[in-house]
Protein backbone atom coordinates (compact mmCIF):
# COMPACT_ATOMS: atom_id res chain seq x y z
CA UNK A 1 0.00 0.00 0.00
CA UNK A 2 1.25 3.47 -0.88
CA UNK A 3 1.52 5.98 1.98
CA UNK A 4 0.36 9.37 0.66
CA UNK A 5 1.09 12.66 2.41
CA UNK A 6 -0.36 15.96 1.14
CA UNK A 7 1.17 19.28 2.11
CA UNK A 8 -1.36 22.03 1.30
CA UNK A 9 0.14 25.31 0.07
CA UNK A 10 -1.18 28.83 -0.43
CA UNK A 11 0.34 32.01 -1.80
CA UNK A 12 -0.77 35.58 -2.26
CA UNK A 13 0.52 38.76 -3.81
CA UNK A 14 -0.27 42.45 -3.57
CA UNK A 15 -1.13 44.39 -6.68
CA UNK A 16 -0.55 48.05 -7.32
CA UNK A 17 -2.62 48.07 -10.49
CA UNK A 18 -6.03 49.71 -10.67
CA UNK A 19 -8.96 47.36 -10.23
CA UNK A 20 -6.98 44.58 -8.56
CA UNK A 21 -6.98 43.94 -4.84
CA UNK A 22 -4.38 41.16 -4.95
CA UNK A 23 -4.04 37.58 -6.05
CA UNK A 24 -4.41 34.34 -4.07
CA UNK A 25 -3.84 30.74 -5.13
CA UNK A 26 -3.62 27.26 -3.62
CA UNK A 27 -1.57 24.19 -4.36
CA UNK A 28 0.01 21.12 -2.82
CA UNK A 29 3.06 18.93 -2.59
CA UNK A 30 2.18 15.25 -2.66
CA UNK A 31 4.52 12.56 -1.40
CA UNK A 32 4.23 8.83 -2.09
CA UNK A 33 6.09 6.77 0.51
CA UNK A 34 8.16 9.83 1.46
CA UNK A 35 9.17 10.72 -2.13
CA UNK A 36 7.88 13.85 -3.85
CA UNK A 37 5.40 12.70 -6.51
CA UNK A 38 3.57 15.92 -7.41
CA UNK A 39 4.76 19.50 -6.94
CA UNK A 40 1.73 21.70 -7.59
CA UNK A 41 3.18 25.07 -6.65
CA UNK A 42 0.63 27.90 -6.38
CA UNK A 43 1.46 31.00 -8.43
CA UNK A 44 -0.64 34.01 -7.48
CA UNK A 45 -1.07 36.89 -9.87
CA UNK A 46 -3.35 39.85 -10.25
CA UNK A 47 -4.40 38.77 -13.75
CA UNK A 48 -4.35 35.02 -14.26
CA UNK A 49 -2.90 32.52 -11.83
CA UNK A 50 -1.94 28.92 -11.30
CA UNK A 51 -4.03 27.32 -8.57
CA UNK A 52 -5.08 23.78 -7.65
CA UNK A 53 -8.16 23.08 -5.50
CA UNK A 54 -8.61 19.89 -3.46
CA UNK A 55 -10.69 18.21 -6.16
CA UNK A 56 -7.97 18.78 -8.76
CA UNK A 57 -5.23 17.56 -6.41
CA UNK A 58 -7.10 14.34 -5.60
CA UNK A 59 -7.77 13.75 -9.30
CA UNK A 60 -4.06 14.20 -10.12
CA UNK A 61 -3.15 11.77 -7.33
CA UNK A 62 -5.46 9.11 -8.81
CA UNK A 63 -3.99 9.71 -12.28
CA UNK A 64 -0.43 9.46 -10.93
CA UNK A 65 -1.37 6.12 -9.33
CA UNK A 66 -2.60 4.87 -12.72
CA UNK A 67 -6.34 5.22 -12.16
CA UNK A 68 -8.88 6.85 -14.46
CA UNK A 69 -11.35 9.28 -12.96
CA UNK A 70 -14.74 9.82 -14.56
CA UNK A 71 -16.96 12.45 -12.98
CA UNK A 72 -20.69 12.66 -13.52
CA UNK A 73 -23.40 14.79 -12.00
CA UNK A 74 -26.98 13.91 -11.36
CA UNK A 75 -29.55 16.65 -11.56
PDB file of N, CA and C in Angstrom:
ATOM      1  N   UNK A   1       0.844  -1.176   0.000  1.00  0.00           N
ATOM      2  CA  UNK A   1       0.000   0.000   0.000  1.00  0.00           C
ATOM      3  C   UNK A   1       0.891   1.241   0.000  1.00  0.00           C
ATOM      4  N   UNK A   2       0.507   2.222  -0.777  1.00  0.00           N
ATOM      5  CA  UNK A   2       1.255   3.469  -0.876  1.00  0.00           C
ATOM      6  C   UNK A   2       0.816   4.433   0.220  1.00  0.00           C
ATOM      7  N   UNK A   3       1.786   4.951   0.971  1.00  0.00           N
ATOM      8  CA  UNK A   3       1.524   5.976   1.978  1.00  0.00           C
ATOM      9  C   UNK A   3       1.567   7.330   1.279  1.00  0.00           C
ATOM     10  N   UNK A   4       0.466   8.078   1.344  1.00  0.00           N
ATOM     11  CA  UNK A   4       0.357   9.367   0.658  1.00  0.00           C
ATOM     12  C   UNK A   4       0.273  10.477   1.701  1.00  0.00           C
ATOM     13  N   UNK A   5       1.123  11.482   1.545  1.00  0.00           N
ATOM     14  CA  UNK A   5       1.089  12.664   2.412  1.00  0.00           C
ATOM     15  C   UNK A   5       0.890  13.887   1.526  1.00  0.00           C
ATOM     16  N   UNK A   6      -0.062  14.742   1.904  1.00  0.00           N
ATOM     17  CA  UNK A   6      -0.355  15.956   1.143  1.00  0.00           C
ATOM     18  C   UNK A   6      -0.002  17.165   2.005  1.00  0.00           C
ATOM     19  N   UNK A   7       0.819  18.027   1.468  1.00  0.00           N
ATOM     20  CA  UNK A   7       1.172  19.283   2.113  1.00  0.00           C
ATOM     21  C   UNK A   7       0.456  20.396   1.351  1.00  0.00           C
ATOM     22  N   UNK A   8      -0.570  20.988   1.963  1.00  0.00           N
ATOM     23  CA  UNK A   8      -1.359  22.025   1.305  1.00  0.00           C
ATOM     24  C   UNK A   8      -0.604  23.347   1.339  1.00  0.00           C
ATOM     25  N   UNK A   9      -0.593  24.058   0.221  1.00  0.00           N
ATOM     26  CA  UNK A   9       0.138  25.313   0.073  1.00  0.00           C
ATOM     27  C   UNK A   9      -0.807  26.435  -0.314  1.00  0.00           C
ATOM     28  N   UNK A  10      -0.441  27.651   0.043  1.00  0.00           N
ATOM     29  CA  UNK A  10      -1.176  28.826  -0.432  1.00  0.00           C
ATOM     30  C   UNK A  10      -0.174  29.955  -0.635  1.00  0.00           C
ATOM     31  N   UNK A  11      -0.522  30.863  -1.512  1.00  0.00           N
ATOM     32  CA  UNK A  11       0.344  32.007  -1.798  1.00  0.00           C
ATOM     33  C   UNK A  11      -0.526  33.187  -2.184  1.00  0.00           C
ATOM     34  N   UNK A  12      -0.038  34.379  -1.891  1.00  0.00           N
ATOM     35  CA  UNK A  12      -0.767  35.582  -2.265  1.00  0.00           C
ATOM     36  C   UNK A  12       0.221  36.657  -2.675  1.00  0.00           C
ATOM     37  N   UNK A  13      -0.300  37.638  -3.370  1.00  0.00           N
ATOM     38  CA  UNK A  13       0.522  38.756  -3.810  1.00  0.00           C
ATOM     39  C   UNK A  13      -0.292  40.039  -3.745  1.00  0.00           C
ATOM     40  N   UNK A  14       0.378  41.140  -3.543  1.00  0.00           N
ATOM     41  CA  UNK A  14      -0.270  42.451  -3.569  1.00  0.00           C
ATOM     42  C   UNK A  14      -0.143  43.036  -4.964  1.00  0.00           C
ATOM     43  N   UNK A  15      -1.148  43.769  -5.368  1.00  0.00           N
ATOM     44  CA  UNK A  15      -1.125  44.391  -6.683  1.00  0.00           C
ATOM     45  C   UNK A  15      -1.256  45.898  -6.535  1.00  0.00           C
ATOM     46  N   UNK A  16      -0.483  46.599  -7.307  1.00  0.00           N
ATOM     47  CA  UNK A  16      -0.547  48.053  -7.316  1.00  0.00           C
ATOM     48  C   UNK A  16      -1.318  48.573  -8.524  1.00  0.00           C
ATOM     49  N   UNK A  17      -1.914  47.664  -9.278  1.00  0.00           N
ATOM     50  CA  UNK A  17      -2.617  48.067 -10.493  1.00  0.00           C
ATOM     51  C   UNK A  17      -4.079  48.366 -10.181  1.00  0.00           C
ATOM     52  N   UNK A  18      -4.638  49.312 -10.884  1.00  0.00           N
ATOM     53  CA  UNK A  18      -6.027  49.706 -10.666  1.00  0.00           C
ATOM     54  C   UNK A  18      -6.972  48.536 -10.913  1.00  0.00           C
ATOM     55  N   UNK A  19      -7.948  48.384 -10.049  1.00  0.00           N
ATOM     56  CA  UNK A  19      -8.963  47.356 -10.227  1.00  0.00           C
ATOM     57  C   UNK A  19      -8.563  45.992  -9.716  1.00  0.00           C
ATOM     58  N   UNK A  20      -7.428  45.878  -9.062  1.00  0.00           N
ATOM     59  CA  UNK A  20      -6.980  44.581  -8.563  1.00  0.00           C
ATOM     60  C   UNK A  20      -6.637  44.716  -7.088  1.00  0.00           C
ATOM     61  N   UNK A  21      -7.232  43.868  -6.273  1.00  0.00           N
ATOM     62  CA  UNK A  21      -6.984  43.938  -4.839  1.00  0.00           C
ATOM     63  C   UNK A  21      -5.920  42.936  -4.390  1.00  0.00           C
ATOM     64  N   UNK A  22      -5.390  42.155  -5.296  1.00  0.00           N
ATOM     65  CA  UNK A  22      -4.378  41.161  -4.950  1.00  0.00           C
ATOM     66  C   UNK A  22      -4.750  39.800  -5.484  1.00  0.00           C
ATOM     67  N   UNK A  23      -3.791  38.919  -5.532  1.00  0.00           N
ATOM     68  CA  UNK A  23      -4.036  37.578  -6.050  1.00  0.00           C
ATOM     69  C   UNK A  23      -3.774  36.524  -4.989  1.00  0.00           C
ATOM     70  N   UNK A  24      -4.532  35.441  -5.024  1.00  0.00           N
ATOM     71  CA  UNK A  24      -4.411  34.336  -4.072  1.00  0.00           C
ATOM     72  C   UNK A  24      -4.526  33.027  -4.843  1.00  0.00           C
ATOM     73  N   UNK A  25      -3.725  32.047  -4.489  1.00  0.00           N
ATOM     74  CA  UNK A  25      -3.841  30.737  -5.131  1.00  0.00           C
ATOM     75  C   UNK A  25      -3.452  29.649  -4.145  1.00  0.00           C
ATOM     76  N   UNK A  26      -3.883  28.424  -4.463  1.00  0.00           N
ATOM     77  CA  UNK A  26      -3.625  27.263  -3.616  1.00  0.00           C
ATOM     78  C   UNK A  26      -2.927  26.187  -4.423  1.00  0.00           C
ATOM     79  N   UNK A  27      -2.251  25.301  -3.721  1.00  0.00           N
ATOM     80  CA  UNK A  27      -1.566  24.193  -4.362  1.00  0.00           C
ATOM     81  C   UNK A  27      -1.233  23.124  -3.347  1.00  0.00           C
ATOM     82  N   UNK A  28      -0.352  22.209  -3.723  1.00  0.00           N
ATOM     83  CA  UNK A  28       0.007  21.116  -2.823  1.00  0.00           C
ATOM     84  C   UNK A  28       1.304  20.459  -3.267  1.00  0.00           C
ATOM     85  N   UNK A  29       1.971  19.870  -2.306  1.00  0.00           N
ATOM     86  CA  UNK A  29       3.062  18.933  -2.586  1.00  0.00           C
ATOM     87  C   UNK A  29       2.570  17.580  -2.107  1.00  0.00           C
ATOM     88  N   UNK A  30       2.683  16.581  -2.976  1.00  0.00           N
ATOM     89  CA  UNK A  30       2.177  15.253  -2.665  1.00  0.00           C
ATOM     90  C   UNK A  30       3.344  14.284  -2.647  1.00  0.00           C
ATOM     91  N   UNK A  31       3.438  13.531  -1.574  1.00  0.00           N
ATOM     92  CA  UNK A  31       4.518  12.560  -1.396  1.00  0.00           C
ATOM     93  C   UNK A  31       3.939  11.150  -1.377  1.00  0.00           C
ATOM     94  N   UNK A  32       4.561  10.255  -2.128  1.00  0.00           N
ATOM     95  CA  UNK A  32       4.229   8.831  -2.093  1.00  0.00           C
ATOM     96  C   UNK A  32       5.371   8.125  -1.382  1.00  0.00           C
ATOM     97  N   UNK A  33       5.073   7.483  -0.269  1.00  0.00           N
ATOM     98  CA  UNK A  33       6.089   6.770   0.513  1.00  0.00           C
ATOM     99  C   UNK A  33       7.315   7.636   0.782  1.00  0.00           C
ATOM    100  N   UNK A  34       7.087   8.921   1.104  1.00  0.00           N
ATOM    101  CA  UNK A  34       8.158   9.830   1.458  1.00  0.00           C
ATOM    102  C   UNK A  34       8.870  10.504   0.297  1.00  0.00           C
ATOM    103  N   UNK A  35       8.552  10.136  -0.935  1.00  0.00           N
ATOM    104  CA  UNK A  35       9.175  10.719  -2.129  1.00  0.00           C
ATOM    105  C   UNK A  35       8.208  11.703  -2.788  1.00  0.00           C
ATOM    106  N   UNK A  36       8.720  12.858  -3.191  1.00  0.00           N
ATOM    107  CA  UNK A  36       7.883  13.851  -3.854  1.00  0.00           C
ATOM    108  C   UNK A  36       7.355  13.292  -5.173  1.00  0.00           C
ATOM    109  N   UNK A  37       6.033  13.240  -5.301  1.00  0.00           N
ATOM    110  CA  UNK A  37       5.403  12.700  -6.506  1.00  0.00           C
ATOM    111  C   UNK A  37       4.768  13.796  -7.350  1.00  0.00           C
ATOM    112  N   UNK A  38       4.209  14.810  -6.712  1.00  0.00           N
ATOM    113  CA  UNK A  38       3.567  15.923  -7.411  1.00  0.00           C
ATOM    114  C   UNK A  38       3.953  17.223  -6.712  1.00  0.00           C
ATOM    115  N   UNK A  39       4.429  18.181  -7.472  1.00  0.00           N
ATOM    116  CA  UNK A  39       4.756  19.499  -6.937  1.00  0.00           C
ATOM    117  C   UNK A  39       3.863  20.506  -7.635  1.00  0.00           C
ATOM    118  N   UNK A  40       2.749  20.827  -7.012  1.00  0.00           N
ATOM    119  CA  UNK A  40       1.728  21.703  -7.590  1.00  0.00           C
ATOM    120  C   UNK A  40       1.825  23.061  -6.908  1.00  0.00           C
ATOM    121  N   UNK A  41       2.855  23.790  -7.271  1.00  0.00           N
ATOM    122  CA  UNK A  41       3.181  25.069  -6.647  1.00  0.00           C
ATOM    123  C   UNK A  41       2.162  26.141  -7.034  1.00  0.00           C
ATOM    124  N   UNK A  42       1.566  26.820  -6.056  1.00  0.00           N
ATOM    125  CA  UNK A  42       0.633  27.902  -6.380  1.00  0.00           C
ATOM    126  C   UNK A  42       1.396  29.125  -6.874  1.00  0.00           C
ATOM    127  N   UNK A  43       0.841  29.793  -7.878  1.00  0.00           N
ATOM    128  CA  UNK A  43       1.455  30.998  -8.433  1.00  0.00           C
ATOM    129  C   UNK A  43       0.405  32.096  -8.503  1.00  0.00           C
ATOM    130  N   UNK A  44       0.364  32.950  -7.477  1.00  0.00           N
ATOM    131  CA  UNK A  44      -0.638  34.013  -7.477  1.00  0.00           C
ATOM    132  C   UNK A  44      -0.273  35.119  -8.459  1.00  0.00           C
ATOM    133  N   UNK A  45      -1.269  35.776  -8.952  1.00  0.00           N
ATOM    134  CA  UNK A  45      -1.066  36.889  -9.868  1.00  0.00           C
ATOM    135  C   UNK A  45      -2.324  37.740  -9.846  1.00  0.00           C
ATOM    136  N   UNK A  46      -2.184  38.974 -10.196  1.00  0.00           N
ATOM    137  CA  UNK A  46      -3.353  39.853 -10.246  1.00  0.00           C
ATOM    138  C   UNK A  46      -4.249  39.521 -11.439  1.00  0.00           C
ATOM    139  N   UNK A  47      -3.646  39.101 -12.534  1.00  0.00           N
ATOM    140  CA  UNK A  47      -4.405  38.774 -13.748  1.00  0.00           C
ATOM    141  C   UNK A  47      -3.956  37.413 -14.247  1.00  0.00           C
ATOM    142  N   UNK A  48      -4.723  36.384 -13.920  1.00  0.00           N
ATOM    143  CA  UNK A  48      -4.349  35.017 -14.256  1.00  0.00           C
ATOM    144  C   UNK A  48      -3.510  34.438 -13.135  1.00  0.00           C
ATOM    145  N   UNK A  49      -3.642  33.152 -12.903  1.00  0.00           N
ATOM    146  CA  UNK A  49      -2.898  32.520 -11.825  1.00  0.00           C
ATOM    147  C   UNK A  49      -2.859  31.017 -12.039  1.00  0.00           C
ATOM    148  N   UNK A  50      -1.968  30.366 -11.327  1.00  0.00           N
ATOM    149  CA  UNK A  50      -1.939  28.916 -11.301  1.00  0.00           C
ATOM    150  C   UNK A  50      -2.387  28.491  -9.915  1.00  0.00           C
ATOM    151  N   UNK A  51      -3.469  27.739  -9.841  1.00  0.00           N
ATOM    152  CA  UNK A  51      -4.031  27.317  -8.569  1.00  0.00           C
ATOM    153  C   UNK A  51      -4.627  25.924  -8.717  1.00  0.00           C
ATOM    154  N   UNK A  52      -4.556  25.143  -7.649  1.00  0.00           N
ATOM    155  CA  UNK A  52      -5.085  23.780  -7.648  1.00  0.00           C
ATOM    156  C   UNK A  52      -5.979  23.623  -6.427  1.00  0.00           C
ATOM    157  N   UNK A  53      -7.275  23.317  -6.634  1.00  0.00           N
ATOM    158  CA  UNK A  53      -8.156  23.081  -5.496  1.00  0.00           C
ATOM    159  C   UNK A  53      -8.062  21.610  -5.076  1.00  0.00           C
ATOM    160  N   UNK A  54      -8.709  21.255  -3.987  1.00  0.00           N
ATOM    161  CA  UNK A  54      -8.613  19.890  -3.463  1.00  0.00           C
ATOM    162  C   UNK A  54      -9.088  18.849  -4.477  1.00  0.00           C
ATOM    163  N   UNK A  55     -10.161  19.148  -5.175  1.00  0.00           N
ATOM    164  CA  UNK A  55     -10.693  18.210  -6.162  1.00  0.00           C
ATOM    165  C   UNK A  55      -9.664  17.926  -7.260  1.00  0.00           C
ATOM    166  N   UNK A  56      -8.996  18.965  -7.735  1.00  0.00           N
ATOM    167  CA  UNK A  56      -7.966  18.782  -8.761  1.00  0.00           C
ATOM    168  C   UNK A  56      -6.781  17.981  -8.224  1.00  0.00           C
ATOM    169  N   UNK A  57      -6.371  18.274  -7.002  1.00  0.00           N
ATOM    170  CA  UNK A  57      -5.235  17.558  -6.405  1.00  0.00           C
ATOM    171  C   UNK A  57      -5.555  16.077  -6.269  1.00  0.00           C
ATOM    172  N   UNK A  58      -6.736  15.745  -5.754  1.00  0.00           N
ATOM    173  CA  UNK A  58      -7.099  14.335  -5.596  1.00  0.00           C
ATOM    174  C   UNK A  58      -7.202  13.632  -6.945  1.00  0.00           C
ATOM    175  N   UNK A  59      -7.706  14.326  -7.959  1.00  0.00           N
ATOM    176  CA  UNK A  59      -7.768  13.754  -9.303  1.00  0.00           C
ATOM    177  C   UNK A  59      -6.380  13.477  -9.863  1.00  0.00           C
ATOM    178  N   UNK A  60      -5.440  14.401  -9.650  1.00  0.00           N
ATOM    179  CA  UNK A  60      -4.061  14.200 -10.121  1.00  0.00           C
ATOM    180  C   UNK A  60      -3.377  13.062  -9.378  1.00  0.00           C
ATOM    181  N   UNK A  61      -3.704  12.894  -8.102  1.00  0.00           N
ATOM    182  CA  UNK A  61      -3.153  11.768  -7.335  1.00  0.00           C
ATOM    183  C   UNK A  61      -3.633  10.452  -7.934  1.00  0.00           C
ATOM    184  N   UNK A  62      -4.927  10.344  -8.213  1.00  0.00           N
ATOM    185  CA  UNK A  62      -5.457   9.115  -8.814  1.00  0.00           C
ATOM    186  C   UNK A  62      -4.802   8.833 -10.160  1.00  0.00           C
ATOM    187  N   UNK A  63      -4.631   9.866 -10.971  1.00  0.00           N
ATOM    188  CA  UNK A  63      -3.989   9.705 -12.275  1.00  0.00           C
ATOM    189  C   UNK A  63      -2.543   9.235 -12.107  1.00  0.00           C
ATOM    190  N   UNK A  64      -1.826   9.834 -11.172  1.00  0.00           N
ATOM    191  CA  UNK A  64      -0.427   9.460 -10.927  1.00  0.00           C
ATOM    192  C   UNK A  64      -0.317   8.002 -10.483  1.00  0.00           C
ATOM    193  N   UNK A  65      -1.344   7.516  -9.788  1.00  0.00           N
ATOM    194  CA  UNK A  65      -1.366   6.125  -9.334  1.00  0.00           C
ATOM    195  C   UNK A  65      -1.872   5.170 -10.413  1.00  0.00           C
ATOM    196  N   UNK A  66      -2.196   5.713 -11.601  1.00  0.00           N
ATOM    197  CA  UNK A  66      -2.602   4.874 -12.719  1.00  0.00           C
ATOM    198  C   UNK A  66      -4.088   4.603 -12.806  1.00  0.00           C
ATOM    199  N   UNK A  67      -4.894   5.397 -12.129  1.00  0.00           N
ATOM    200  CA  UNK A  67      -6.345   5.219 -12.165  1.00  0.00           C
ATOM    201  C   UNK A  67      -6.984   6.265 -13.064  1.00  0.00           C
ATOM    202  N   UNK A  68      -8.101   5.906 -13.664  1.00  0.00           N
ATOM    203  CA  UNK A  68      -8.877   6.848 -14.464  1.00  0.00           C
ATOM    204  C   UNK A  68     -10.016   7.375 -13.607  1.00  0.00           C
ATOM    205  N   UNK A  69     -10.273   8.657 -13.721  1.00  0.00           N
ATOM    206  CA  UNK A  69     -11.345   9.278 -12.963  1.00  0.00           C
ATOM    207  C   UNK A  69     -12.390   9.785 -13.944  1.00  0.00           C
ATOM    208  N   UNK A  70     -13.621   9.361 -13.740  1.00  0.00           N
ATOM    209  CA  UNK A  70     -14.741   9.821 -14.560  1.00  0.00           C
ATOM    210  C   UNK A  70     -15.745  10.462 -13.612  1.00  0.00           C
ATOM    211  N   UNK A  71     -16.006  11.733 -13.839  1.00  0.00           N
ATOM    212  CA  UNK A  71     -16.959  12.449 -12.981  1.00  0.00           C
ATOM    213  C   UNK A  71     -18.281  12.619 -13.709  1.00  0.00           C
ATOM    214  N   UNK A  72     -19.358  12.422 -12.971  1.00  0.00           N
ATOM    215  CA  UNK A  72     -20.686  12.655 -13.516  1.00  0.00           C
ATOM    216  C   UNK A  72     -21.475  13.446 -12.482  1.00  0.00           C
ATOM    217  N   UNK A  73     -22.520  14.090 -12.932  1.00  0.00           N
ATOM    218  CA  UNK A  73     -23.401  14.794 -12.003  1.00  0.00           C
ATOM    219  C   UNK A  73     -24.828  14.367 -12.291  1.00  0.00           C
ATOM    220  N   UNK A  74     -25.581  14.287 -11.238  1.00  0.00           N
ATOM    221  CA  UNK A  74     -26.983  13.908 -11.356  1.00  0.00           C
ATOM    222  C   UNK A  74     -27.832  15.101 -10.953  1.00  0.00           C
ATOM    223  N   UNK A  75     -28.703  15.498 -11.845  1.00  0.00           N
ATOM    224  CA  UNK A  75     -29.552  16.652 -11.556  1.00  0.00           C
ATOM    225  C   UNK A  75     -30.962  16.231 -11.289  1.00  0.00           C
TER     226      UNK A  75
END
